[in-house]
Amino acid sequence: MTISCNNNSNKNKEQKKESKKEELNYFQAQGYAQGTTYNVIYQDHQKRNLSQAIDSILKQVDQELSIYIDSSTISKVNKLPLETALNVADKPLFQECFNIAKEVYNKTNKNFNPALYPLVKYWGFLNFEQEDLHHQQSEIDSLLLLIDFSDTTLELKNNKITKHHFCNIDFNAVAQGYSVDVIATYLENLSIRNYMVEVGGELKTKGKNNQNKDWKIGIDKPIEHTKPGEKDFQIIVSISGKSLATSGSYRKFYEKDGIKYSHTINPHTGKPVQHQLLSTTVVTDNCGKADAYATAFMVMGVDKTKEFIAQNKDLNLSVYLVFSKADGTWGTWQTTSFDNIISL
């Protein structure tokens, strides 16, 4: 009789455990967008399927920010005649992303520069057909004149954007992070308080996962020619209510005549960076800004990034750097704030 009672008790406990698990109501939306994948996990007691809505959001982001869509807002800006104003009052995504890009451009002394498109194309990073390129300093110097992103070249004011001098902009280094913010805002407006939004490796979390714990995120080791998540993680962090973005030089590059050319272009020299920084991870509140600052730090390199962090503590950036040392091994550096989110 006692055994029977115990068995019933165990069964009841298992049933309650399973029932509690079902009541958590976590759902997942996955897909392909912006040339990459996205993954959204969210808790919704109303059990709504948000996959279609999230797809629509990402398509709308592309309609405003993709240079690969001829009718997109950014494509229209790139084709805009000089001293002609384009009304973007009904393009809030473009305006917000533009303002984030301009803020980080100014803050980082142009090390983040969305007007680098002519140089990116020149160095062969649009299609990686670089075999026939013969890079001349005179050509690079000429292209450097075309990468200004200041208000004197491209100005957004009173819902209108005006191009005063030639430039072509590309928000690729901020758009994926910004897309994360847009989806997160959508979830917030639905009163969803526990979620993880990830687009192309850039992500934002809030609340708890389905185990009632902070979200654990793995940062890839900077191993050449690997895909995200393919190898062991460099480090795992535990975050909630924060955004995370990683930029690296170990996936997008090519080699020619024994020289490795990173896809990260230094806007001051017009050439691919050739320092020892392999990857940069930035954790902060806004994913668009995290994405942009991670790109800027890949331009700056280790020492200048450390200096920037020390001089701009008000930005509240938690940063983790992986770099190659003289002996070929990897070294790491992180801010004190980053210590607090490392998962043991």
C-alpha atoms as a PDB file:
ATOM      1  CA  MET A   1       0.000   0.000   0.000  1.00  0.00           C
ATOM      2  CA  THR A   2       2.821   2.384   0.827  1.00  0.00           C
ATOM      3  CA  ILE A   3       4.605   1.450  -2.403  1.00  0.00           C
ATOM      4  CA  SER A   4       1.424   2.008  -4.360  1.00  0.00           C
ATOM      5  CA  CYS A   5       0.948   5.417  -2.768  1.00  0.00           C
ATOM      6  CA  ASN A   6       4.546   6.315  -3.551  1.00  0.00           C
ATOM      7  CA  ASN A   7       4.127   5.231  -7.184  1.00  0.00           C
ATOM      8  CA  ASN A   8       0.995   7.347  -7.523  1.00  0.00           C
ATOM      9  CA  SER A   9       2.848  10.231  -5.932  1.00  0.00           C
ATOM     10  CA  ASN A  10       5.711   9.852  -8.404  1.00  0.00           C
ATOM     11  CA  LYS A  11       3.290   9.716 -11.304  1.00  0.00           C
ATOM     12  CA  ASN A  12       1.555  12.824 -10.071  1.00  0.00           C
ATOM     13  CA  LYS A  13       4.879  14.608  -9.766  1.00  0.00           C
ATOM     14  CA  GLU A  14       5.808  13.631 -13.338  1.00  0.00           C
ATOM     15  CA  GLN A  15       2.415  14.747 -14.616  1.00  0.00           C
ATOM     16  CA  LYS A  16       2.717  18.068 -12.805  1.00  0.00           C
ATOM     17  CA  LYS A  17       6.249  18.488 -14.165  1.00  0.00           C
ATOM     18  CA  GLU A  18       5.077  17.829 -17.712  1.00  0.00           C
ATOM     19  CA  SER A  19       2.068  20.090 -17.259  1.00  0.00           C
ATOM     20  CA  LYS A  20       4.305  22.873 -15.966  1.00  0.00           C
ATOM     21  CA  LYS A  21       6.587  22.435 -18.961  1.00  0.00           C
ATOM     22  CA  GLU A  22       3.650  22.763 -21.348  1.00  0.00           C
ATOM     23  CA  GLU A  23       2.490  25.890 -19.553  1.00  0.00           C
ATOM     24  CA  LEU A  24       5.800  27.576 -20.345  1.00  0.00           C
ATOM     25  CA  ASN A  25       4.591  28.069 -23.937  1.00  0.00           C
ATOM     26  CA  TYR A  26       7.918  28.683 -25.682  1.00  0.00           C
ATOM     27  CA  PHE A  27       7.840  28.793 -29.466  1.00  0.00           C
ATOM     28  CA  GLN A  28      10.424  29.053 -32.224  1.00  0.00           C
ATOM     29  CA  ALA A  29      10.438  30.840 -35.572  1.00  0.00           C
ATOM     30  CA  GLN A  30      13.251  30.130 -38.012  1.00  0.00           C
ATOM     31  CA  GLY A  31      13.983  31.092 -41.571  1.00  0.00           C
ATOM     32  CA  TYR A  32      16.274  32.621 -44.144  1.00  0.00           C
ATOM     33  CA  ALA A  33      16.624  36.355 -44.736  1.00  0.00           C
ATOM     34  CA  GLN A  34      19.226  38.968 -45.681  1.00  0.00           C
ATOM     35  CA  GLY A  35      21.520  36.286 -47.073  1.00  0.00           C
ATOM     36  CA  THR A  36      21.652  34.508 -43.724  1.00  0.00           C
ATOM     37  CA  THR A  37      19.475  32.662 -41.217  1.00  0.00           C
ATOM     38  CA  TYR A  38      17.365  33.899 -38.350  1.00  0.00           C
ATOM     39  CA  ASN A  39      16.149  32.210 -35.183  1.00  0.00           C
ATOM     40  CA  VAL A  40      13.586  33.608 -32.761  1.00  0.00           C
ATOM     41  CA  ILE A  41      12.554  31.857 -29.539  1.00  0.00           C
ATOM     42  CA  TYR A  42       9.812  33.433 -27.469  1.00  0.00           C
ATOM     43  CA  GLN A  43       7.359  32.690 -24.695  1.00  0.00           C
ATOM     44  CA  ASP A  44       3.745  33.473 -25.480  1.00  0.00           C
ATOM     45  CA  HIS A  45       0.899  32.301 -23.250  1.00  0.00           C
ATOM     46  CA  GLN A  46      -1.504  33.232 -26.050  1.00  0.00           C
ATOM     47  CA  LYS A  47       0.274  30.600 -28.177  1.00  0.00           C
ATOM     48  CA  ARG A  48       0.518  32.837 -31.227  1.00  0.00           C
ATOM     49  CA  ASN A  49       2.477  31.705 -34.276  1.00  0.00           C
ATOM     50  CA  LEU A  50       4.560  34.748 -35.171  1.00  0.00           C
ATOM     51  CA  SER A  51       6.593  33.208 -38.007  1.00  0.00           C
ATOM     52  CA  GLN A  52       4.720  34.981 -40.799  1.00  0.00           C
ATOM     53  CA  ALA A  53       4.846  38.329 -39.020  1.00  0.00           C
ATOM     54  CA  ILE A  54       8.600  38.020 -38.416  1.00  0.00           C
ATOM     55  CA  ASP A  55       9.147  37.121 -42.081  1.00  0.00           C
ATOM     56  CA  SER A  56       7.180  40.227 -43.047  1.00  0.00           C
ATOM     57  CA  ILE A  57       9.273  42.413 -40.754  1.00  0.00           C
ATOM     58  CA  LEU A  58      12.524  41.168 -42.276  1.00  0.00           C
ATOM     59  CA  LYS A  59      11.170  41.698 -45.792  1.00  0.00           C
ATOM     60  CA  GLN A  60      10.245  45.259 -44.858  1.00  0.00           C
ATOM     61  CA  VAL A  61      13.775  45.816 -43.522  1.00  0.00           C
ATOM     62  CA  ASP A  62      15.119  44.613 -46.871  1.00  0.00           C
ATOM     63  CA  GLN A  63      12.738  46.916 -48.750  1.00  0.00           C
ATOM     64  CA  GLU A  64      14.303  49.852 -46.954  1.00  0.00           C
ATOM     65  CA  LEU A  65      17.914  48.769 -46.333  1.00  0.00           C
ATOM     66  CA  SER A  66      19.042  46.202 -48.928  1.00  0.00           C
ATOM     67  CA  ILE A  67      21.391  47.369 -51.675  1.00  0.00           C
ATOM     68  CA  TYR A  68      20.493  44.190 -53.578  1.00  0.00           C
ATOM     69  CA  ILE A  69      16.908  45.357 -54.139  1.00  0.00           C
ATOM     70  CA  ASP A  70      16.826  47.993 -56.849  1.00  0.00           C
ATOM     71  CA  SER A  71      13.639  49.580 -55.504  1.00  0.00           C
ATOM     72  CA  SER A  72      14.762  49.730 -51.857  1.00  0.00           C
ATOM     73  CA  THR A  73      15.059  53.049 -50.072  1.00  0.00           C
ATOM     74  CA  ILE A  74      18.826  52.788 -49.764  1.00  0.00           C
ATOM     75  CA  SER A  75      19.134  51.996 -53.490  1.00  0.00           C
ATOM     76  CA  LYS A  76      17.082  55.095 -54.266  1.00  0.00           C
ATOM     77  CA  VAL A  77      19.390  57.135 -52.048  1.00  0.00           C
ATOM     78  CA  ASN A  78      22.436  55.776 -53.865  1.00  0.00           C
ATOM     79  CA  LYS A  79      20.916  56.810 -57.211  1.00  0.00           C
ATOM     80  CA  LEU A  80      19.748  60.180 -55.924  1.00  0.00           C
ATOM     81  CA  PRO A  81      20.926  63.152 -58.041  1.00  0.00           C
ATOM     82  CA  LEU A  82      22.979  65.766 -56.221  1.00  0.00           C
ATOM     83  CA  GLU A  83      21.067  68.446 -54.303  1.00  0.00           C
ATOM     84  CA  THR A  84      17.812  66.557 -54.736  1.00  0.00           C
ATOM     85  CA  ALA A  85      15.795  65.700 -51.617  1.00  0.00           C
ATOM     86  CA  LEU A  86      14.159  62.297 -51.171  1.00  0.00           C
ATOM     87  CA  ASN A  87      11.190  62.193 -48.807  1.00  0.00           C
ATOM     88  CA  VAL A  88      11.652  59.328 -46.316  1.00  0.00           C
ATOM     89  CA  ALA A  89       8.899  60.295 -43.874  1.00  0.00           C
ATOM     90  CA  ASP A  90       7.244  56.904 -44.417  1.00  0.00           C
ATOM     91  CA  LYS A  91      10.548  55.003 -44.103  1.00  0.00           C
ATOM     92  CA  PRO A  92      11.165  54.834 -40.336  1.00  0.00           C
ATOM     93  CA  LEU A  93      13.436  51.801 -40.541  1.00  0.00           C
ATOM     94  CA  PHE A  94      15.774  53.542 -42.965  1.00  0.00           C
ATOM     95  CA  GLN A  95      15.815  56.707 -40.877  1.00  0.00           C
ATOM     96  CA  GLU A  96      16.557  54.931 -37.614  1.00  0.00           C
ATOM     97  CA  CYS A  97      19.304  52.779 -39.132  1.00  0.00           C
ATOM     98  CA  PHE A  98      20.777  55.851 -40.844  1.00  0.00           C
ATOM     99  CA  ASN A  99      20.895  57.721 -37.526  1.00  0.00           C
ATOM    100  CA  ILE A 100      22.582  54.808 -35.740  1.00  0.00           C
ATOM    101  CA  ALA A 101      25.168  54.591 -38.513  1.00  0.00           C
ATOM    102  CA  LYS A 102      25.805  58.355 -38.420  1.00  0.00           C
ATOM    103  CA  GLU A 103      26.175  58.319 -34.619  1.00  0.00           C
ATOM    104  CA  VAL A 104      28.756  55.517 -34.621  1.00  0.00           C
ATOM    105  CA  TYR A 105      30.530  57.028 -37.654  1.00  0.00           C
ATOM    106  CA  ASN A 106      31.047  60.277 -35.749  1.00  0.00           C
ATOM    107  CA  LYS A 107      31.860  58.641 -32.421  1.00  0.00           C
ATOM    108  CA  THR A 108      34.533  56.336 -33.850  1.00  0.00           C
ATOM    109  CA  ASN A 109      36.294  58.963 -35.961  1.00  0.00           C
ATOM    110  CA  LYS A 110      34.955  57.367 -39.169  1.00  0.00           C
ATOM    111  CA  ASN A 111      36.323  53.906 -38.359  1.00  0.00           C
ATOM    112  CA  PHE A 112      32.768  52.734 -38.863  1.00  0.00           C
ATOM    113  CA  ASN A 113      31.887  53.994 -42.322  1.00  0.00           C
ATOM    114  CA  PRO A 114      28.857  52.807 -44.335  1.00  0.00           C
ATOM    115  CA  ALA A 115      30.052  54.798 -47.350  1.00  0.00           C
ATOM    116  CA  LEU A 116      32.902  52.356 -48.010  1.00  0.00           C
ATOM    117  CA  TYR A 117      30.987  50.687 -50.854  1.00  0.00           C
ATOM    118  CA  PRO A 118      33.333  51.900 -53.654  1.00  0.00           C
ATOM    119  CA  LEU A 119      36.382  50.504 -51.837  1.00  0.00           C
ATOM    120  CA  VAL A 120      34.639  47.240 -50.926  1.00  0.00           C
ATOM    121  CA  LYS A 121      33.832  46.784 -54.596  1.00  0.00           C
ATOM    122  CA  TYR A 122      37.340  47.789 -55.673  1.00  0.00           C
ATOM    123  CA  TRP A 123      38.965  45.197 -53.433  1.00  0.00           C
ATOM    124  CA  GLY A 124      36.713  42.447 -54.790  1.00  0.00           C
ATOM    125  CA  PHE A 125      34.600  41.742 -51.713  1.00  0.00           C
ATOM    126  CA  LEU A 126      31.245  41.955 -53.470  1.00  0.00           C
ATOM    127  CA  ASN A 127      31.868  38.864 -55.576  1.00  0.00           C
ATOM    128  CA  PHE A 128      35.413  37.846 -54.548  1.00  0.00           C
ATOM    129  CA  GLU A 129      36.523  37.937 -58.189  1.00  0.00           C
ATOM    130  CA  GLN A 130      39.813  39.564 -57.321  1.00  0.00           C
ATOM    131  CA  GLU A 131      42.249  37.614 -59.469  1.00  0.00           C
ATOM    132  CA  ASP A 132      42.556  40.246 -62.191  1.00  0.00           C
ATOM    133  CA  LEU A 133      42.743  43.247 -59.884  1.00  0.00           C
ATOM    134  CA  HIS A 134      45.928  45.322 -59.826  1.00  0.00           C
ATOM    135  CA  HIS A 135      45.644  47.682 -56.911  1.00  0.00           C
ATOM    136  CA  GLN A 136      47.213  51.081 -57.475  1.00  0.00           C
ATOM    137  CA  GLN A 137      47.736  53.684 -54.758  1.00  0.00           C
ATOM    138  CA  SER A 138      46.506  56.418 -57.107  1.00  0.00           C
ATOM    139  CA  GLU A 139      43.223  54.551 -57.604  1.00  0.00           C
ATOM    140  CA  ILE A 140      42.822  54.017 -53.857  1.00  0.00           C
ATOM    141  CA  ASP A 141      43.476  57.712 -53.217  1.00  0.00           C
ATOM    142  CA  SER A 142      40.749  58.623 -55.719  1.00  0.00           C
ATOM    143  CA  LEU A 143      38.248  56.277 -54.075  1.00  0.00           C
ATOM    144  CA  LEU A 144      39.034  57.687 -50.631  1.00  0.00           C
ATOM    145  CA  LEU A 145      37.468  60.938 -51.829  1.00  0.00           C
ATOM    146  CA  LEU A 146      34.151  59.133 -52.343  1.00  0.00           C
ATOM    147  CA  ILE A 147      33.623  57.596 -48.907  1.00  0.00           C
ATOM    148  CA  ASP A 148      32.501  60.582 -46.873  1.00  0.00           C
ATOM    149  CA  PHE A 149      29.400  59.943 -44.715  1.00  0.00           C
ATOM    150  CA  SER A 150      29.254  63.325 -43.012  1.00  0.00           C
ATOM    151  CA  ASP A 151      26.311  65.715 -43.261  1.00  0.00           C
ATOM    152  CA  THR A 152      28.197  67.732 -45.855  1.00  0.00           C
ATOM    153  CA  THR A 153      27.825  64.748 -48.199  1.00  0.00           C
ATOM    154  CA  LEU A 154      24.612  63.018 -47.113  1.00  0.00           C
ATOM    155  CA  GLU A 155      22.157  64.839 -44.847  1.00  0.00           C
ATOM    156  CA  LEU A 156      18.979  63.577 -43.211  1.00  0.00           C
ATOM    157  CA  LYS A 157      16.828  66.437 -41.959  1.00  0.00           C
ATOM    158  CA  ASN A 158      13.083  66.935 -41.495  1.00  0.00           C
ATOM    159  CA  ASN A 159      12.273  63.495 -42.954  1.00  0.00           C
ATOM    160  CA  LYS A 160      14.181  64.280 -46.142  1.00  0.00           C
ATOM    161  CA  ILE A 161      17.571  63.041 -47.263  1.00  0.00           C
ATOM    162  CA  THR A 162      19.757  65.116 -49.540  1.00  0.00           C
ATOM    163  CA  LYS A 163      22.985  64.130 -51.268  1.00  0.00           C
ATOM    164  CA  HIS A 164      25.404  67.055 -51.595  1.00  0.00           C
ATOM    165  CA  HIS A 165      28.327  65.058 -52.993  1.00  0.00           C
ATOM    166  CA  PHE A 166      28.658  61.646 -54.589  1.00  0.00           C
ATOM    167  CA  CYS A 167      28.543  58.629 -52.277  1.00  0.00           C
ATOM    168  CA  ASN A 168      27.187  55.092 -52.180  1.00  0.00           C
ATOM    169  CA  ILE A 169      26.128  53.725 -48.805  1.00  0.00           C
ATOM    170  CA  ASP A 170      25.727  50.181 -47.561  1.00  0.00           C
ATOM    171  CA  PHE A 171      24.296  49.364 -44.119  1.00  0.00           C
ATOM    172  CA  ASN A 172      25.424  45.735 -44.185  1.00  0.00           C
ATOM    173  CA  ALA A 173      27.585  46.236 -41.070  1.00  0.00           C
ATOM    174  CA  VAL A 174      24.651  47.486 -39.014  1.00  0.00           C
ATOM    175  CA  ALA A 175      21.480  46.171 -40.697  1.00  0.00           C
ATOM    176  CA  GLN A 176      21.473  42.666 -39.221  1.00  0.00           C
ATOM    177  CA  GLY A 177      21.915  43.989 -35.711  1.00  0.00           C
ATOM    178  CA  TYR A 178      19.269  46.608 -36.379  1.00  0.00           C
ATOM    179  CA  SER A 179      16.909  43.893 -37.690  1.00  0.00           C
ATOM    180  CA  VAL A 180      17.260  42.173 -34.326  1.00  0.00           C
ATOM    181  CA  ASP A 181      16.169  45.384 -32.597  1.00  0.00           C
ATOM    182  CA  VAL A 182      13.135  45.746 -34.878  1.00  0.00           C
ATOM    183  CA  ILE A 183      11.943  42.188 -34.178  1.00  0.00           C
ATOM    184  CA  ALA A 184      12.594  42.593 -30.448  1.00  0.00           C
ATOM    185  CA  THR A 185      10.503  45.770 -30.419  1.00  0.00           C
ATOM    186  CA  TYR A 186       7.705  43.902 -32.183  1.00  0.00           C
ATOM    187  CA  LEU A 187       7.784  41.199 -29.501  1.00  0.00           C
ATOM    188  CA  GLU A 188       7.830  43.824 -26.760  1.00  0.00           C
ATOM    189  CA  ASN A 189       4.740  45.466 -28.264  1.00  0.00           C
ATOM    190  CA  LEU A 190       2.989  42.101 -27.987  1.00  0.00           C
ATOM    191  CA  SER A 191       3.850  42.053 -24.260  1.00  0.00           C
ATOM    192  CA  ILE A 192       6.324  39.199 -24.794  1.00  0.00           C
ATOM    193  CA  ARG A 193       8.930  39.438 -22.078  1.00  0.00           C
ATOM    194  CA  ASN A 194      11.007  36.274 -22.516  1.00  0.00           C
ATOM    195  CA  TYR A 195      12.725  35.929 -25.876  1.00  0.00           C
ATOM    196  CA  MET A 196      15.899  35.472 -27.875  1.00  0.00           C
ATOM    197  CA  VAL A 197      16.138  37.065 -31.325  1.00  0.00           C
ATOM    198  CA  GLU A 198      19.073  36.140 -33.579  1.00  0.00           C
ATOM    199  CA  VAL A 199      19.777  37.250 -37.159  1.00  0.00           C
ATOM    200  CA  GLY A 200      23.034  36.174 -38.783  1.00  0.00           C
ATOM    201  CA  GLY A 201      24.730  35.689 -35.425  1.00  0.00           C
ATOM    202  CA  GLU A 202      23.739  39.082 -34.007  1.00  0.00           C
ATOM    203  CA  LEU A 203      21.204  38.747 -31.219  1.00  0.00           C
ATOM    204  CA  LYS A 204      19.224  40.175 -28.352  1.00  0.00           C
ATOM    205  CA  THR A 205      17.749  38.444 -25.319  1.00  0.00           C
ATOM    206  CA  LYS A 206      15.321  39.332 -22.590  1.00  0.00           C
ATOM    207  CA  GLY A 207      13.981  37.531 -19.556  1.00  0.00           C
ATOM    208  CA  LYS A 208      14.579  33.810 -19.190  1.00  0.00           C
ATOM    209  CA  ASN A 209      14.778  30.742 -21.420  1.00  0.00           C
ATOM    210  CA  ASN A 210      12.490  27.718 -21.065  1.00  0.00           C
ATOM    211  CA  GLN A 211      14.601  26.498 -18.151  1.00  0.00           C
ATOM    212  CA  ASN A 212      13.995  29.772 -16.294  1.00  0.00           C
ATOM    213  CA  LYS A 213      17.645  30.763 -16.664  1.00  0.00           C
ATOM    214  CA  ASP A 214      19.469  33.561 -18.430  1.00  0.00           C
ATOM    215  CA  TRP A 215      20.095  32.868 -22.105  1.00  0.00           C
ATOM    216  CA  LYS A 216      23.472  31.226 -22.788  1.00  0.00           C
ATOM    217  CA  ILE A 217      25.212  32.296 -25.985  1.00  0.00           C
ATOM    218  CA  GLY A 218      28.291  30.692 -27.521  1.00  0.00           C
ATOM    219  CA  ILE A 219      30.889  32.859 -29.271  1.00  0.00           C
ATOM    220  CA  ASP A 220      32.632  31.046 -32.108  1.00  0.00           C
ATOM    221  CA  LYS A 221      36.345  30.412 -32.166  1.00  0.00           C
ATOM    222  CA  PRO A 222      37.945  32.521 -34.928  1.00  0.00           C
ATOM    223  CA  ILE A 223      38.891  29.542 -37.101  1.00  0.00           C
ATOM    224  CA  GLU A 224      39.305  30.209 -40.820  1.00  0.00           C
ATOM    225  CA  HIS A 225      36.783  28.839 -43.327  1.00  0.00           C
ATOM    226  CA  THR A 226      34.303  27.721 -40.651  1.00  0.00           C
ATOM    227  CA  LYS A 227      30.576  28.309 -40.431  1.00  0.00           C
ATOM    228  CA  PRO A 228      28.846  29.669 -37.313  1.00  0.00           C
ATOM    229  CA  GLY A 229      28.580  26.982 -34.653  1.00  0.00           C
ATOM    230  CA  GLU A 230      30.663  24.513 -36.651  1.00  0.00           C
ATOM    231  CA  LYS A 231      33.545  24.313 -34.168  1.00  0.00           C
ATOM    232  CA  ASP A 232      33.828  24.547 -30.401  1.00  0.00           C
ATOM    233  CA  PHE A 233      32.941  27.874 -28.871  1.00  0.00           C
ATOM    234  CA  GLN A 234      35.648  30.292 -27.813  1.00  0.00           C
ATOM    235  CA  ILE A 235      33.592  31.293 -24.789  1.00  0.00           C
ATOM    236  CA  ILE A 236      30.004  31.101 -23.529  1.00  0.00           C
ATOM    237  CA  VAL A 237      28.227  34.076 -22.023  1.00  0.00           C
ATOM    238  CA  SER A 238      25.023  34.304 -20.034  1.00  0.00           C
ATOM    239  CA  ILE A 239      22.968  37.399 -20.846  1.00  0.00           C
ATOM    240  CA  SER A 240      19.481  38.788 -20.339  1.00  0.00           C
ATOM    241  CA  GLY A 241      18.173  42.149 -21.483  1.00  0.00           C
ATOM    242  CA  LYS A 242      21.242  42.737 -23.643  1.00  0.00           C
ATOM    243  CA  SER A 243      22.334  42.587 -27.277  1.00  0.00           C
ATOM    244  CA  LEU A 244      25.430  40.843 -28.625  1.00  0.00           C
ATOM    245  CA  ALA A 245      27.241  41.202 -31.939  1.00  0.00           C
ATOM    246  CA  THR A 246      30.480  39.669 -33.183  1.00  0.00           C
ATOM    247  CA  SER A 247      32.646  40.775 -36.085  1.00  0.00           C
ATOM    248  CA  GLY A 248      35.684  38.910 -37.363  1.00  0.00           C
ATOM    249  CA  SER A 249      38.306  38.741 -40.079  1.00  0.00           C
ATOM    250  CA  TYR A 250      38.538  34.959 -40.205  1.00  0.00           C
ATOM    251  CA  ARG A 251      35.594  34.116 -42.490  1.00  0.00           C
ATOM    252  CA  LYS A 252      35.498  36.763 -45.218  1.00  0.00           C
ATOM    253  CA  PHE A 253      38.916  37.175 -46.803  1.00  0.00           C
ATOM    254  CA  TYR A 254      40.976  36.050 -49.736  1.00  0.00           C
ATOM    255  CA  GLU A 255      44.653  35.374 -50.329  1.00  0.00           C
ATOM    256  CA  LYS A 256      46.631  36.607 -53.283  1.00  0.00           C
ATOM    257  CA  ASP A 257      50.387  36.390 -53.840  1.00  0.00           C
ATOM    258  CA  GLY A 258      50.795  35.119 -50.289  1.00  0.00           C
ATOM    259  CA  ILE A 259      48.973  38.112 -48.762  1.00  0.00           C
ATOM    260  CA  LYS A 260      45.709  37.748 -46.843  1.00  0.00           C
ATOM    261  CA  TYR A 261      43.132  40.467 -47.553  1.00  0.00           C
ATOM    262  CA  SER A 262      40.438  40.896 -44.905  1.00  0.00           C
ATOM    263  CA  HIS A 263      36.989  42.128 -45.952  1.00  0.00           C
ATOM    264  CA  THR A 264      37.316  44.824 -43.272  1.00  0.00           C
ATOM    265  CA  ILE A 265      38.465  48.026 -44.977  1.00  0.00           C
ATOM    266  CA  ASN A 266      40.287  50.774 -43.119  1.00  0.00           C
ATOM    267  CA  PRO A 267      38.495  53.985 -44.207  1.00  0.00           C
ATOM    268  CA  HIS A 268      41.610  56.066 -43.487  1.00  0.00           C
ATOM    269  CA  THR A 269      44.006  54.075 -45.703  1.00  0.00           C
ATOM    270  CA  GLY A 270      41.520  52.607 -48.150  1.00  0.00           C
ATOM    271  CA  LYS A 271      43.086  49.180 -47.697  1.00  0.00           C
ATOM    272  CA  PRO A 272      42.033  45.944 -45.961  1.00  0.00           C
ATOM    273  CA  VAL A 273      43.191  45.856 -42.350  1.00  0.00           C
ATOM    274  CA  GLN A 274      46.227  43.703 -41.657  1.00  0.00           C
ATOM    275  CA  HIS A 275      46.547  43.763 -37.877  1.00  0.00           C
ATOM    276  CA  GLN A 276      46.330  40.879 -35.403  1.00  0.00           C
ATOM    277  CA  LEU A 277      42.717  41.277 -34.225  1.00  0.00           C
ATOM    278  CA  LEU A 278      40.705  38.186 -35.214  1.00  0.00           C
ATOM    279  CA  SER A 279      37.295  38.829 -33.692  1.00  0.00           C
ATOM    280  CA  THR A 280      35.442  41.372 -31.604  1.00  0.00           C
ATOM    281  CA  THR A 281      32.317  40.773 -29.546  1.00  0.00           C
ATOM    282  CA  VAL A 282      30.307  43.696 -28.212  1.00  0.00           C
ATOM    283  CA  VAL A 283      27.498  43.430 -25.653  1.00  0.00           C
ATOM    284  CA  THR A 284      25.263  46.427 -25.043  1.00  0.00           C
ATOM    285  CA  ASP A 285      21.597  47.445 -25.034  1.00  0.00           C
ATOM    286  CA  ASN A 286      21.097  48.154 -28.739  1.00  0.00           C
ATOM    287  CA  CYS A 287      22.011  45.433 -31.254  1.00  0.00           C
ATOM    288  CA  GLY A 288      22.404  47.823 -34.183  1.00  0.00           C
ATOM    289  CA  LYS A 289      24.989  49.770 -32.217  1.00  0.00           C
ATOM    290  CA  ALA A 290      26.674  46.574 -31.014  1.00  0.00           C
ATOM    291  CA  ASP A 291      26.986  45.478 -34.650  1.00  0.00           C
ATOM    292  CA  ALA A 292      28.410  48.822 -35.763  1.00  0.00           C
ATOM    293  CA  TYR A 293      30.899  49.136 -32.896  1.00  0.00           C
ATOM    294  CA  ALA A 294      32.114  45.556 -33.423  1.00  0.00           C
ATOM    295  CA  THR A 295      32.880  46.489 -37.039  1.00  0.00           C
ATOM    296  CA  ALA A 296      34.631  49.706 -35.997  1.00  0.00           C
ATOM    297  CA  PHE A 297      36.828  47.826 -33.523  1.00  0.00           C
ATOM    298  CA  MET A 298      37.878  45.380 -36.239  1.00  0.00           C
ATOM    299  CA  VAL A 299      39.206  48.427 -38.090  1.00  0.00           C
ATOM    300  CA  MET A 300      40.900  49.932 -35.026  1.00  0.00           C
ATOM    301  CA  GLY A 301      42.751  46.828 -33.872  1.00  0.00           C
ATOM    302  CA  VAL A 302      43.520  45.792 -30.313  1.00  0.00           C
ATOM    303  CA  ASP A 303      45.367  48.801 -28.907  1.00  0.00           C
ATOM    304  CA  LYS A 304      43.127  51.499 -30.380  1.00  0.00           C
ATOM    305  CA  THR A 305      40.033  49.588 -29.289  1.00  0.00           C
ATOM    306  CA  LYS A 306      41.327  49.484 -25.713  1.00  0.00           C
ATOM    307  CA  GLU A 307      41.960  53.230 -25.858  1.00  0.00           C
ATOM    308  CA  PHE A 308      38.487  53.880 -27.233  1.00  0.00           C
ATOM    309  CA  ILE A 309      36.819  51.820 -24.502  1.00  0.00           C
ATOM    310  CA  ALA A 310      38.798  53.628 -21.783  1.00  0.00           C
ATOM    311  CA  GLN A 311      37.791  57.024 -23.192  1.00  0.00           C
ATOM    312  CA  ASN A 312      34.119  56.187 -23.787  1.00  0.00           C
ATOM    313  CA  LYS A 313      32.910  54.401 -20.672  1.00  0.00           C
ATOM    314  CA  ASP A 314      29.580  56.246 -20.975  1.00  0.00           C
ATOM    315  CA  LEU A 315      28.708  53.994 -23.941  1.00  0.00           C
ATOM    316  CA  ASN A 316      28.438  50.999 -21.586  1.00  0.00           C
ATOM    317  CA  LEU A 317      30.049  48.580 -24.016  1.00  0.00           C
ATOM    318  CA  SER A 318      31.169  45.177 -22.774  1.00  0.00           C
ATOM    319  CA  VAL A 319      33.871  43.985 -25.176  1.00  0.00           C
ATOM    320  CA  TYR A 320      35.752  40.734 -25.806  1.00  0.00           C
ATOM    321  CA  LEU A 321      38.710  40.567 -28.211  1.00  0.00           C
ATOM    322  CA  VAL A 322      40.505  37.567 -29.694  1.00  0.00           C
ATOM    323  CA  PHE A 323      43.831  38.268 -31.401  1.00  0.00           C
ATOM    324  CA  SER A 324      46.827  36.388 -32.734  1.00  0.00           C
ATOM    325  CA  LYS A 325      50.137  36.691 -30.885  1.00  0.00           C
ATOM    326  CA  ALA A 326      53.654  36.711 -32.270  1.00  0.00           C
ATOM    327  CA  ASP A 327      54.118  33.009 -31.526  1.00  0.00           C
ATOM    328  CA  GLY A 328      50.991  32.089 -33.481  1.00  0.00           C
ATOM    329  CA  THR A 329      48.792  31.406 -30.456  1.00  0.00           C
ATOM    330  CA  TRP A 330      45.658  33.320 -29.566  1.00  0.00           C
ATOM    331  CA  GLY A 331      45.368  35.951 -26.911  1.00  0.00           C
ATOM    332  CA  THR A 332      42.211  37.464 -25.438  1.00  0.00           C
ATOM    333  CA  TRP A 333      41.244  40.699 -23.733  1.00  0.00           C
ATOM    334  CA  GLN A 334      37.964  41.757 -22.190  1.00  0.00           C
ATOM    335  CA  THR A 335      36.457  44.637 -20.305  1.00  0.00           C
ATOM    336  CA  THR A 336      35.712  44.209 -16.622  1.00  0.00           C
ATOM    337  CA  SER A 337      31.995  44.330 -17.392  1.00  0.00           C
ATOM    338  CA  PHE A 338      32.410  41.387 -19.752  1.00  0.00           C
ATOM    339  CA  ASP A 339      33.821  39.312 -16.864  1.00  0.00           C
ATOM    340  CA  ASN A 340      30.390  39.457 -15.246  1.00  0.00           C
ATOM    341  CA  ILE A 341      28.590  37.654 -18.092  1.00  0.00           C
ATOM    342  CA  ILE A 342      31.006  34.784 -18.731  1.00  0.00           C
ATOM    343  CA  SER A 343      29.240  31.507 -18.084  1.00  0.00           C
ATOM    344  CA  LEU A 344      31.329  29.069 -16.055  1.00  0.00           C
END
